[in-house]
mmCIF file of all heavy atoms, coordinates in Angstrom:
data_MODEL
# 
_entry.id   MODEL 
# 
loop_
_atom_site.group_PDB 
_atom_site.id 
_atom_site.type_symbol 
_atom_site.label_atom_id 
_atom_site.label_alt_id 
_atom_site.label_comp_id 
_atom_site.label_asym_id 
_atom_site.label_entity_id 
_atom_site.label_seq_id 
_atom_site.pdbx_PDB_ins_code 
_atom_site.Cartn_x 
_atom_site.Cartn_y 
_atom_site.Cartn_z 
_atom_site.occupancy 
_atom_site.B_iso_or_equiv 
_atom_site.pdbx_formal_charge 
_atom_site.auth_seq_id 
_atom_site.auth_comp_id 
_atom_site.auth_asym_id 
_atom_site.auth_atom_id 
_atom_site.pdbx_PDB_model_num 
ATOM 1   N N   . GLU A 1 1  ? -3.608  -12.867 23.241 1.00 0.00 ? 1  GLU A N   1 
ATOM 2   C CA  . GLU A 1 1  ? -3.987  -12.369 24.547 1.00 0.00 ? 1  GLU A CA  1 
ATOM 3   C C   . GLU A 1 1  ? -4.070  -10.838 24.446 1.00 0.00 ? 1  GLU A C   1 
ATOM 4   O O   . GLU A 1 1  ? -3.100  -10.121 24.705 1.00 0.00 ? 1  GLU A O   1 
ATOM 5   C CB  . GLU A 1 1  ? -2.997  -12.747 25.586 1.00 0.00 ? 1  GLU A CB  1 
ATOM 6   C CG  . GLU A 1 1  ? -3.007  -14.249 25.781 1.00 0.00 ? 1  GLU A CG  1 
ATOM 7   C CD  . GLU A 1 1  ? -2.673  -14.708 27.205 1.00 0.00 ? 1  GLU A CD  1 
ATOM 8   O OE1 . GLU A 1 1  ? -2.862  -13.898 28.168 1.00 0.00 ? 1  GLU A OE1 1 
ATOM 9   O OE2 . GLU A 1 1  ? -2.190  -15.812 27.323 1.00 0.00 ? 1  GLU A OE2 1 
ATOM 10  N N   . PRO A 1 2  ? -5.262  -10.327 24.005 1.00 0.00 ? 2  PRO A N   1 
ATOM 11  C CA  . PRO A 1 2  ? -5.424  -8.871  23.887 1.00 0.00 ? 2  PRO A CA  1 
ATOM 12  C C   . PRO A 1 2  ? -5.352  -8.159  25.276 1.00 0.00 ? 2  PRO A C   1 
ATOM 13  O O   . PRO A 1 2  ? -5.639  -8.766  26.296 1.00 0.00 ? 2  PRO A O   1 
ATOM 14  C CB  . PRO A 1 2  ? -6.766  -8.737  23.238 1.00 0.00 ? 2  PRO A CB  1 
ATOM 15  C CG  . PRO A 1 2  ? -7.518  -9.991  23.484 1.00 0.00 ? 2  PRO A CG  1 
ATOM 16  C CD  . PRO A 1 2  ? -6.463  -11.067 23.692 1.00 0.00 ? 2  PRO A CD  1 
ATOM 17  N N   . PRO A 1 3  ? -4.966  -6.886  25.222 1.00 0.00 ? 3  PRO A N   1 
ATOM 18  C CA  . PRO A 1 3  ? -4.938  -6.115  26.454 1.00 0.00 ? 3  PRO A CA  1 
ATOM 19  C C   . PRO A 1 3  ? -6.327  -5.912  27.011 1.00 0.00 ? 3  PRO A C   1 
ATOM 20  O O   . PRO A 1 3  ? -7.346  -6.048  26.283 1.00 0.00 ? 3  PRO A O   1 
ATOM 21  C CB  . PRO A 1 3  ? -4.302  -4.805  25.981 1.00 0.00 ? 3  PRO A CB  1 
ATOM 22  C CG  . PRO A 1 3  ? -4.618  -4.700  24.571 1.00 0.00 ? 3  PRO A CG  1 
ATOM 23  C CD  . PRO A 1 3  ? -4.622  -6.145  24.024 1.00 0.00 ? 3  PRO A CD  1 
ATOM 24  N N   . PRO A 1 4  ? -6.425  -5.541  28.294 1.00 0.00 ? 4  PRO A N   1 
ATOM 25  C CA  . PRO A 1 4  ? -7.739  -5.312  28.940 1.00 0.00 ? 4  PRO A CA  1 
ATOM 26  C C   . PRO A 1 4  ? -8.629  -4.279  28.243 1.00 0.00 ? 4  PRO A C   1 
ATOM 27  O O   . PRO A 1 4  ? -9.831  -4.309  28.341 1.00 0.00 ? 4  PRO A O   1 
ATOM 28  C CB  . PRO A 1 4  ? -7.338  -4.858  30.382 1.00 0.00 ? 4  PRO A CB  1 
ATOM 29  C CG  . PRO A 1 4  ? -5.952  -5.370  30.588 1.00 0.00 ? 4  PRO A CG  1 
ATOM 30  C CD  . PRO A 1 4  ? -5.315  -5.367  29.234 1.00 0.00 ? 4  PRO A CD  1 
ATOM 31  N N   . SER A 1 5  ? -7.991  -3.357  27.520 1.00 0.00 ? 5  SER A N   1 
ATOM 32  C CA  . SER A 1 5  ? -8.807  -2.327  26.832 1.00 0.00 ? 5  SER A CA  1 
ATOM 33  C C   . SER A 1 5  ? -9.660  -2.880  25.679 1.00 0.00 ? 5  SER A C   1 
ATOM 34  O O   . SER A 1 5  ? -10.562 -2.274  25.209 1.00 0.00 ? 5  SER A O   1 
ATOM 35  C CB  . SER A 1 5  ? -7.848  -1.234  26.287 1.00 0.00 ? 5  SER A CB  1 
ATOM 36  O OG  . SER A 1 5  ? -6.978  -1.784  25.387 1.00 0.00 ? 5  SER A OG  1 
ATOM 37  N N   . VAL A 1 6  ? -9.351  -4.091  25.251 1.00 0.00 ? 6  VAL A N   1 
ATOM 38  C CA  . VAL A 1 6  ? -10.105 -4.749  24.168 1.00 0.00 ? 6  VAL A CA  1 
ATOM 39  C C   . VAL A 1 6  ? -11.339 -5.426  24.804 1.00 0.00 ? 6  VAL A C   1 
ATOM 40  O O   . VAL A 1 6  ? -11.210 -6.499  25.433 1.00 0.00 ? 6  VAL A O   1 
ATOM 41  C CB  . VAL A 1 6  ? -9.215  -5.773  23.434 1.00 0.00 ? 6  VAL A CB  1 
ATOM 42  C CG1 . VAL A 1 6  ? -10.022 -6.598  22.440 1.00 0.00 ? 6  VAL A CG1 1 
ATOM 43  C CG2 . VAL A 1 6  ? -8.043  -5.060  22.756 1.00 0.00 ? 6  VAL A CG2 1 
ATOM 44  N N   . GLN A 1 7  ? -12.477 -4.768  24.594 1.00 0.00 ? 7  GLN A N   1 
ATOM 45  C CA  . GLN A 1 7  ? -13.691 -5.249  25.226 1.00 0.00 ? 7  GLN A CA  1 
ATOM 46  C C   . GLN A 1 7  ? -14.712 -5.868  24.270 1.00 0.00 ? 7  GLN A C   1 
ATOM 47  O O   . GLN A 1 7  ? -15.481 -6.714  24.644 1.00 0.00 ? 7  GLN A O   1 
ATOM 48  C CB  . GLN A 1 7  ? -14.386 -4.071  25.955 1.00 0.00 ? 7  GLN A CB  1 
ATOM 49  C CG  . GLN A 1 7  ? -13.561 -3.524  27.073 1.00 0.00 ? 7  GLN A CG  1 
ATOM 50  C CD  . GLN A 1 7  ? -13.457 -4.506  28.227 1.00 0.00 ? 7  GLN A CD  1 
ATOM 51  O OE1 . GLN A 1 7  ? -14.467 -5.013  28.713 1.00 0.00 ? 7  GLN A OE1 1 
ATOM 52  N NE2 . GLN A 1 7  ? -12.266 -4.718  28.716 1.00 0.00 ? 7  GLN A NE2 1 
ATOM 53  N N   . THR A 1 8  ? -14.677 -5.405  23.015 1.00 0.00 ? 8  THR A N   1 
ATOM 54  C CA  . THR A 1 8  ? -15.627 -5.901  22.002 1.00 0.00 ? 8  THR A CA  1 
ATOM 55  C C   . THR A 1 8  ? -14.873 -6.487  20.805 1.00 0.00 ? 8  THR A C   1 
ATOM 56  O O   . THR A 1 8  ? -13.666 -6.334  20.666 1.00 0.00 ? 8  THR A O   1 
ATOM 57  C CB  . THR A 1 8  ? -16.497 -4.716  21.439 1.00 0.00 ? 8  THR A CB  1 
ATOM 58  O OG1 . THR A 1 8  ? -15.622 -3.796  20.748 1.00 0.00 ? 8  THR A OG1 1 
ATOM 59  C CG2 . THR A 1 8  ? -17.249 -3.973  22.596 1.00 0.00 ? 8  THR A CG2 1 
ATOM 60  N N   . ILE A 1 9  ? -15.654 -7.128  19.932 1.00 0.00 ? 9  ILE A N   1 
ATOM 61  C CA  . ILE A 1 9  ? -15.019 -7.691  18.709 1.00 0.00 ? 9  ILE A CA  1 
ATOM 62  C C   . ILE A 1 9  ? -14.433 -6.547  17.886 1.00 0.00 ? 9  ILE A C   1 
ATOM 63  O O   . ILE A 1 9  ? -13.315 -6.696  17.371 1.00 0.00 ? 9  ILE A O   1 
ATOM 64  C CB  . ILE A 1 9  ? -16.065 -8.505  17.926 1.00 0.00 ? 9  ILE A CB  1 
ATOM 65  C CG1 . ILE A 1 9  ? -16.480 -9.736  18.732 1.00 0.00 ? 9  ILE A CG1 1 
ATOM 66  C CG2 . ILE A 1 9  ? -15.450 -8.917  16.567 1.00 0.00 ? 9  ILE A CG2 1 
ATOM 67  C CD1 . ILE A 1 9  ? -17.675 -10.491 18.101 1.00 0.00 ? 9  ILE A CD1 1 
ATOM 68  N N   . ALA A 1 10 ? -15.093 -5.400  17.780 1.00 0.00 ? 10 ALA A N   1 
ATOM 69  C CA  . ALA A 1 10 ? -14.538 -4.263  17.061 1.00 0.00 ? 10 ALA A CA  1 
ATOM 70  C C   . ALA A 1 10 ? -13.233 -3.814  17.722 1.00 0.00 ? 10 ALA A C   1 
ATOM 71  O O   . ALA A 1 10 ? -12.251 -3.498  16.947 1.00 0.00 ? 10 ALA A O   1 
ATOM 72  C CB  . ALA A 1 10 ? -15.546 -3.090  17.052 1.00 0.00 ? 10 ALA A CB  1 
ATOM 73  N N   . ASP A 1 11 ? -13.147 -3.740  18.995 1.00 0.00 ? 11 ASP A N   1 
ATOM 74  C CA  . ASP A 1 11 ? -11.872 -3.431  19.666 1.00 0.00 ? 11 ASP A CA  1 
ATOM 75  C C   . ASP A 1 11 ? -10.783 -4.407  19.310 1.00 0.00 ? 11 ASP A C   1 
ATOM 76  O O   . ASP A 1 11 ? -9.634  -4.052  19.030 1.00 0.00 ? 11 ASP A O   1 
ATOM 77  C CB  . ASP A 1 11 ? -12.042 -3.431  21.193 1.00 0.00 ? 11 ASP A CB  1 
ATOM 78  C CG  . ASP A 1 11 ? -12.916 -2.359  21.756 1.00 0.00 ? 11 ASP A CG  1 
ATOM 79  O OD1 . ASP A 1 11 ? -13.159 -1.348  21.044 1.00 0.00 ? 11 ASP A OD1 1 
ATOM 80  O OD2 . ASP A 1 11 ? -13.369 -2.516  22.921 1.00 0.00 ? 11 ASP A OD2 1 
ATOM 81  N N   . LEU A 1 12 ? -11.146 -5.705  19.296 1.00 0.00 ? 12 LEU A N   1 
ATOM 82  C CA  . LEU A 1 12 ? -10.226 -6.731  18.941 1.00 0.00 ? 12 LEU A CA  1 
ATOM 83  C C   . LEU A 1 12 ? -9.704  -6.572  17.529 1.00 0.00 ? 12 LEU A C   1 
ATOM 84  O O   . LEU A 1 12 ? -8.493  -6.610  17.250 1.00 0.00 ? 12 LEU A O   1 
ATOM 85  C CB  . LEU A 1 12 ? -10.901 -8.107  19.071 1.00 0.00 ? 12 LEU A CB  1 
ATOM 86  C CG  . LEU A 1 12 ? -10.048 -9.336  18.628 1.00 0.00 ? 12 LEU A CG  1 
ATOM 87  C CD1 . LEU A 1 12 ? -8.827  -9.481  19.533 1.00 0.00 ? 12 LEU A CD1 1 
ATOM 88  C CD2 . LEU A 1 12 ? -10.908 -10.605 18.607 1.00 0.00 ? 12 LEU A CD2 1 
ATOM 89  N N   . VAL A 1 13 ? -10.598 -6.272  16.601 1.00 0.00 ? 13 VAL A N   1 
ATOM 90  C CA  . VAL A 1 13 ? -10.188 -6.087  15.191 1.00 0.00 ? 13 VAL A CA  1 
ATOM 91  C C   . VAL A 1 13 ? -9.264  -4.900  15.030 1.00 0.00 ? 13 VAL A C   1 
ATOM 92  O O   . VAL A 1 13 ? -8.273  -4.932  14.322 1.00 0.00 ? 13 VAL A O   1 
ATOM 93  C CB  . VAL A 1 13 ? -11.431 -6.011  14.286 1.00 0.00 ? 13 VAL A CB  1 
ATOM 94  C CG1 . VAL A 1 13 ? -11.053 -5.645  12.863 1.00 0.00 ? 13 VAL A CG1 1 
ATOM 95  C CG2 . VAL A 1 13 ? -12.211 -7.333  14.253 1.00 0.00 ? 13 VAL A CG2 1 
ATOM 96  N N   . ARG A 1 14 ? -9.636  -3.808  15.727 1.00 0.00 ? 14 ARG A N   1 
ATOM 97  C CA  . ARG A 1 14 ? -8.770  -2.615  15.707 1.00 0.00 ? 14 ARG A CA  1 
ATOM 98  C C   . ARG A 1 14 ? -7.375  -2.921  16.278 1.00 0.00 ? 14 ARG A C   1 
ATOM 99  O O   . ARG A 1 14 ? -6.361  -2.493  15.738 1.00 0.00 ? 14 ARG A O   1 
ATOM 100 C CB  . ARG A 1 14 ? -9.416  -1.454  16.467 1.00 0.00 ? 14 ARG A CB  1 
ATOM 101 C CG  . ARG A 1 14 ? -10.528 -0.829  15.682 1.00 0.00 ? 14 ARG A CG  1 
ATOM 102 C CD  . ARG A 1 14 ? -11.062 0.427   16.435 1.00 0.00 ? 14 ARG A CD  1 
ATOM 103 N NE  . ARG A 1 14 ? -12.408 0.672   16.087 1.00 0.00 ? 14 ARG A NE  1 
ATOM 104 C CZ  . ARG A 1 14 ? -13.503 0.333   16.783 1.00 0.00 ? 14 ARG A CZ  1 
ATOM 105 N NH1 . ARG A 1 14 ? -13.348 -0.253  17.921 1.00 0.00 ? 14 ARG A NH1 1 
ATOM 106 N NH2 . ARG A 1 14 ? -14.707 0.604   16.332 1.00 0.00 ? 14 ARG A NH2 1 
ATOM 107 N N   . TRP A 1 15 ? -7.359  -3.686  17.325 1.00 0.00 ? 15 TRP A N   1 
ATOM 108 C CA  . TRP A 1 15 ? -6.093  -4.112  17.955 1.00 0.00 ? 15 TRP A CA  1 
ATOM 109 C C   . TRP A 1 15 ? -5.235  -4.961  16.960 1.00 0.00 ? 15 TRP A C   1 
ATOM 110 O O   . TRP A 1 15 ? -4.076  -4.769  16.847 1.00 0.00 ? 15 TRP A O   1 
ATOM 111 C CB  . TRP A 1 15 ? -6.355  -4.808  19.271 1.00 0.00 ? 15 TRP A CB  1 
ATOM 112 C CG  . TRP A 1 15 ? -5.135  -5.306  19.932 1.00 0.00 ? 15 TRP A CG  1 
ATOM 113 C CD1 . TRP A 1 15 ? -4.208  -4.530  20.637 1.00 0.00 ? 15 TRP A CD1 1 
ATOM 114 C CD2 . TRP A 1 15 ? -4.673  -6.655  20.040 1.00 0.00 ? 15 TRP A CD2 1 
ATOM 115 N NE1 . TRP A 1 15 ? -3.232  -5.361  21.149 1.00 0.00 ? 15 TRP A NE1 1 
ATOM 116 C CE2 . TRP A 1 15 ? -3.507  -6.671  20.796 1.00 0.00 ? 15 TRP A CE2 1 
ATOM 117 C CE3 . TRP A 1 15 ? -5.220  -7.861  19.570 1.00 0.00 ? 15 TRP A CE3 1 
ATOM 118 C CZ2 . TRP A 1 15 ? -2.796  -7.836  21.114 1.00 0.00 ? 15 TRP A CZ2 1 
ATOM 119 C CZ3 . TRP A 1 15 ? -4.530  -9.028  19.874 1.00 0.00 ? 15 TRP A CZ3 1 
ATOM 120 C CH2 . TRP A 1 15 ? -3.332  -9.028  20.623 1.00 0.00 ? 15 TRP A CH2 1 
ATOM 121 N N   . LEU A 1 16 ? -5.945  -5.908  16.323 1.00 0.00 ? 16 LEU A N   1 
ATOM 122 C CA  . LEU A 1 16 ? -5.266  -6.769  15.333 1.00 0.00 ? 16 LEU A CA  1 
ATOM 123 C C   . LEU A 1 16 ? -4.684  -5.885  14.205 1.00 0.00 ? 16 LEU A C   1 
ATOM 124 O O   . LEU A 1 16 ? -3.597  -6.128  13.667 1.00 0.00 ? 16 LEU A O   1 
ATOM 125 C CB  . LEU A 1 16 ? -6.213  -7.825  14.774 1.00 0.00 ? 16 LEU A CB  1 
ATOM 126 C CG  . LEU A 1 16 ? -6.688  -8.901  15.752 1.00 0.00 ? 16 LEU A CG  1 
ATOM 127 C CD1 . LEU A 1 16 ? -7.812  -9.657  15.152 1.00 0.00 ? 16 LEU A CD1 1 
ATOM 128 C CD2 . LEU A 1 16 ? -5.493  -9.828  16.128 1.00 0.00 ? 16 LEU A CD2 1 
ATOM 129 N N   . ALA A 1 17 ? -5.470  -4.905  13.764 1.00 0.00 ? 17 ALA A N   1 
ATOM 130 C CA  . ALA A 1 17 ? -5.071  -3.987  12.686 1.00 0.00 ? 17 ALA A CA  1 
ATOM 131 C C   . ALA A 1 17 ? -3.851  -3.212  13.056 1.00 0.00 ? 17 ALA A C   1 
ATOM 132 O O   . ALA A 1 17 ? -2.974  -2.916  12.199 1.00 0.00 ? 17 ALA A O   1 
ATOM 133 C CB  . ALA A 1 17 ? -6.186  -3.050  12.306 1.00 0.00 ? 17 ALA A CB  1 
ATOM 134 N N   . ALA A 1 18 ? -3.739  -2.894  14.310 1.00 0.00 ? 18 ALA A N   1 
ATOM 135 C CA  . ALA A 1 18 ? -2.581  -1.989  14.770 1.00 0.00 ? 18 ALA A CA  1 
ATOM 136 C C   . ALA A 1 18 ? -1.274  -2.818  14.964 1.00 0.00 ? 18 ALA A C   1 
ATOM 137 O O   . ALA A 1 18 ? -0.191  -2.187  15.102 1.00 0.00 ? 18 ALA A O   1 
ATOM 138 C CB  . ALA A 1 18 ? -2.979  -1.286  16.043 1.00 0.00 ? 18 ALA A CB  1 
ATOM 139 N N   . ARG A 1 19 ? -1.303  -4.119  14.957 1.00 0.00 ? 19 ARG A N   1 
ATOM 140 C CA  . ARG A 1 19 ? -0.132  -4.903  15.220 1.00 0.00 ? 19 ARG A CA  1 
ATOM 141 C C   . ARG A 1 19 ? 0.872   -4.980  14.102 1.00 0.00 ? 19 ARG A C   1 
ATOM 142 O O   . ARG A 1 19 ? 2.071   -5.044  14.363 1.00 0.00 ? 19 ARG A O   1 
ATOM 143 C CB  . ARG A 1 19 ? -0.534  -6.320  15.591 1.00 0.00 ? 19 ARG A CB  1 
ATOM 144 C CG  . ARG A 1 19 ? -1.245  -6.483  16.887 1.00 0.00 ? 19 ARG A CG  1 
ATOM 145 C CD  . ARG A 1 19 ? -1.492  -7.908  17.251 1.00 0.00 ? 19 ARG A CD  1 
ATOM 146 N NE  . ARG A 1 19 ? -1.909  -8.669  16.076 1.00 0.00 ? 19 ARG A NE  1 
ATOM 147 C CZ  . ARG A 1 19 ? -1.860  -10.006 15.990 1.00 0.00 ? 19 ARG A CZ  1 
ATOM 148 N NH1 . ARG A 1 19 ? -1.390  -10.703 16.997 1.00 0.00 ? 19 ARG A NH1 1 
ATOM 149 N NH2 . ARG A 1 19 ? -2.266  -10.628 14.905 1.00 0.00 ? 19 ARG A NH2 1 
ATOM 150 N N   . ASP A 1 20 ? 0.424   -4.997  12.858 1.00 0.00 ? 20 ASP A N   1 
ATOM 151 C CA  . ASP A 1 20 ? 1.393   -5.129  11.744 1.00 0.00 ? 20 ASP A CA  1 
ATOM 152 C C   . ASP A 1 20 ? 0.723   -4.683  10.471 1.00 0.00 ? 20 ASP A C   1 
ATOM 153 O O   . ASP A 1 20 ? -0.464  -4.384  10.404 1.00 0.00 ? 20 ASP A O   1 
ATOM 154 C CB  . ASP A 1 20 ? 1.880   -6.565  11.636 1.00 0.00 ? 20 ASP A CB  1 
ATOM 155 C CG  . ASP A 1 20 ? 0.750   -7.603  11.485 1.00 0.00 ? 20 ASP A CG  1 
ATOM 156 O OD1 . ASP A 1 20 ? -0.227  -7.326  10.796 1.00 0.00 ? 20 ASP A OD1 1 
ATOM 157 O OD2 . ASP A 1 20 ? 0.912   -8.735  12.054 1.00 0.00 ? 20 ASP A OD2 1 
ATOM 158 N N   . ALA A 1 21 ? 1.508   -4.664  9.409  1.00 0.00 ? 21 ALA A N   1 
ATOM 159 C CA  . ALA A 1 21 ? 1.075   -4.173  8.086  1.00 0.00 ? 21 ALA A CA  1 
ATOM 160 C C   . ALA A 1 21 ? -0.047  -5.080  7.538  1.00 0.00 ? 21 ALA A C   1 
ATOM 161 O O   . ALA A 1 21 ? -1.011  -4.562  6.880  1.00 0.00 ? 21 ALA A O   1 
ATOM 162 C CB  . ALA A 1 21 ? 2.179   -4.059  7.116  1.00 0.00 ? 21 ALA A CB  1 
ATOM 163 N N   . ALA A 1 22 ? 0.052   -6.343  7.731  1.00 0.00 ? 22 ALA A N   1 
ATOM 164 C CA  . ALA A 1 22 ? -0.998  -7.276  7.196  1.00 0.00 ? 22 ALA A CA  1 
ATOM 165 C C   . ALA A 1 22 ? -2.323  -6.968  7.843  1.00 0.00 ? 22 ALA A C   1 
ATOM 166 O O   . ALA A 1 22 ? -3.368  -6.842  7.180  1.00 0.00 ? 22 ALA A O   1 
ATOM 167 C CB  . ALA A 1 22 ? -0.603  -8.741  7.467  1.00 0.00 ? 22 ALA A CB  1 
ATOM 168 N N   . GLY A 1 23 ? -2.349  -6.830  9.176  1.00 0.00 ? 23 GLY A N   1 
ATOM 169 C CA  . GLY A 1 23 ? -3.564  -6.515  9.882  1.00 0.00 ? 23 GLY A CA  1 
ATOM 170 C C   . GLY A 1 23 ? -4.153  -5.137  9.467  1.00 0.00 ? 23 GLY A C   1 
ATOM 171 O O   . GLY A 1 23 ? -5.333  -4.979  9.308  1.00 0.00 ? 23 GLY A O   1 
ATOM 172 N N   . THR A 1 24 ? -3.246  -4.188  9.323  1.00 0.00 ? 24 THR A N   1 
ATOM 173 C CA  . THR A 1 24 ? -3.687  -2.853  8.848  1.00 0.00 ? 24 THR A CA  1 
ATOM 174 C C   . THR A 1 24 ? -4.375  -2.899  7.527  1.00 0.00 ? 24 THR A C   1 
ATOM 175 O O   . THR A 1 24 ? -5.440  -2.315  7.369  1.00 0.00 ? 24 THR A O   1 
ATOM 176 C CB  . THR A 1 24 ? -2.421  -1.856  8.762  1.00 0.00 ? 24 THR A CB  1 
ATOM 177 O OG1 . THR A 1 24 ? -1.867  -1.789  10.045 1.00 0.00 ? 24 THR A OG1 1 
ATOM 178 C CG2 . THR A 1 24 ? -2.837  -0.527  8.288  1.00 0.00 ? 24 THR A CG2 1 
ATOM 179 N N   . ALA A 1 25 ? -3.877  -3.683  6.576  1.00 0.00 ? 25 ALA A N   1 
ATOM 180 C CA  . ALA A 1 25 ? -4.462  -3.806  5.265  1.00 0.00 ? 25 ALA A CA  1 
ATOM 181 C C   . ALA A 1 25 ? -5.754  -4.551  5.347  1.00 0.00 ? 25 ALA A C   1 
ATOM 182 O O   . ALA A 1 25 ? -6.801  -4.120  4.748  1.00 0.00 ? 25 ALA A O   1 
ATOM 183 C CB  . ALA A 1 25 ? -3.524  -4.475  4.316  1.00 0.00 ? 25 ALA A CB  1 
ATOM 184 N N   . VAL A 1 26 ? -5.793  -5.700  5.983  1.00 0.00 ? 26 VAL A N   1 
ATOM 185 C CA  . VAL A 1 26 ? -6.973  -6.545  6.031  1.00 0.00 ? 26 VAL A CA  1 
ATOM 186 C C   . VAL A 1 26 ? -8.122  -5.913  6.780  1.00 0.00 ? 26 VAL A C   1 
ATOM 187 O O   . VAL A 1 26 ? -9.311  -5.976  6.356  1.00 0.00 ? 26 VAL A O   1 
ATOM 188 C CB  . VAL A 1 26 ? -6.649  -7.931  6.691  1.00 0.00 ? 26 VAL A CB  1 
ATOM 189 C CG1 . VAL A 1 26 ? -7.909  -8.723  6.976  1.00 0.00 ? 26 VAL A CG1 1 
ATOM 190 C CG2 . VAL A 1 26 ? -5.714  -8.729  5.792  1.00 0.00 ? 26 VAL A CG2 1 
ATOM 191 N N   . PHE A 1 27 ? -7.846  -5.236  7.857  1.00 0.00 ? 27 PHE A N   1 
ATOM 192 C CA  . PHE A 1 27 ? -8.881  -4.666  8.704  1.00 0.00 ? 27 PHE A CA  1 
ATOM 193 C C   . PHE A 1 27 ? -9.087  -3.159  8.548  1.00 0.00 ? 27 PHE A C   1 
ATOM 194 O O   . PHE A 1 27 ? -9.571  -2.461  9.398  1.00 0.00 ? 27 PHE A O   1 
ATOM 195 C CB  . PHE A 1 27 ? -8.640  -5.030  10.187 1.00 0.00 ? 27 PHE A CB  1 
ATOM 196 C CG  . PHE A 1 27 ? -8.596  -6.513  10.433 1.00 0.00 ? 27 PHE A CG  1 
ATOM 197 C CD1 . PHE A 1 27 ? -7.465  -7.088  10.902 1.00 0.00 ? 27 PHE A CD1 1 
ATOM 198 C CD2 . PHE A 1 27 ? -9.711  -7.279  10.116 1.00 0.00 ? 27 PHE A CD2 1 
ATOM 199 C CE1 . PHE A 1 27 ? -7.412  -8.451  11.128 1.00 0.00 ? 27 PHE A CE1 1 
ATOM 200 C CE2 . PHE A 1 27 ? -9.689  -8.645  10.361 1.00 0.00 ? 27 PHE A CE2 1 
ATOM 201 C CZ  . PHE A 1 27 ? -8.539  -9.260  10.823 1.00 0.00 ? 27 PHE A CZ  1 
# 
């Protein structure tokens, strides 16, 4: 459930990247 600021797929990927080390590396 991404926050309201996540409007595009790119925003979603950036949000996923910021959550943890795995996301940071993958994205």
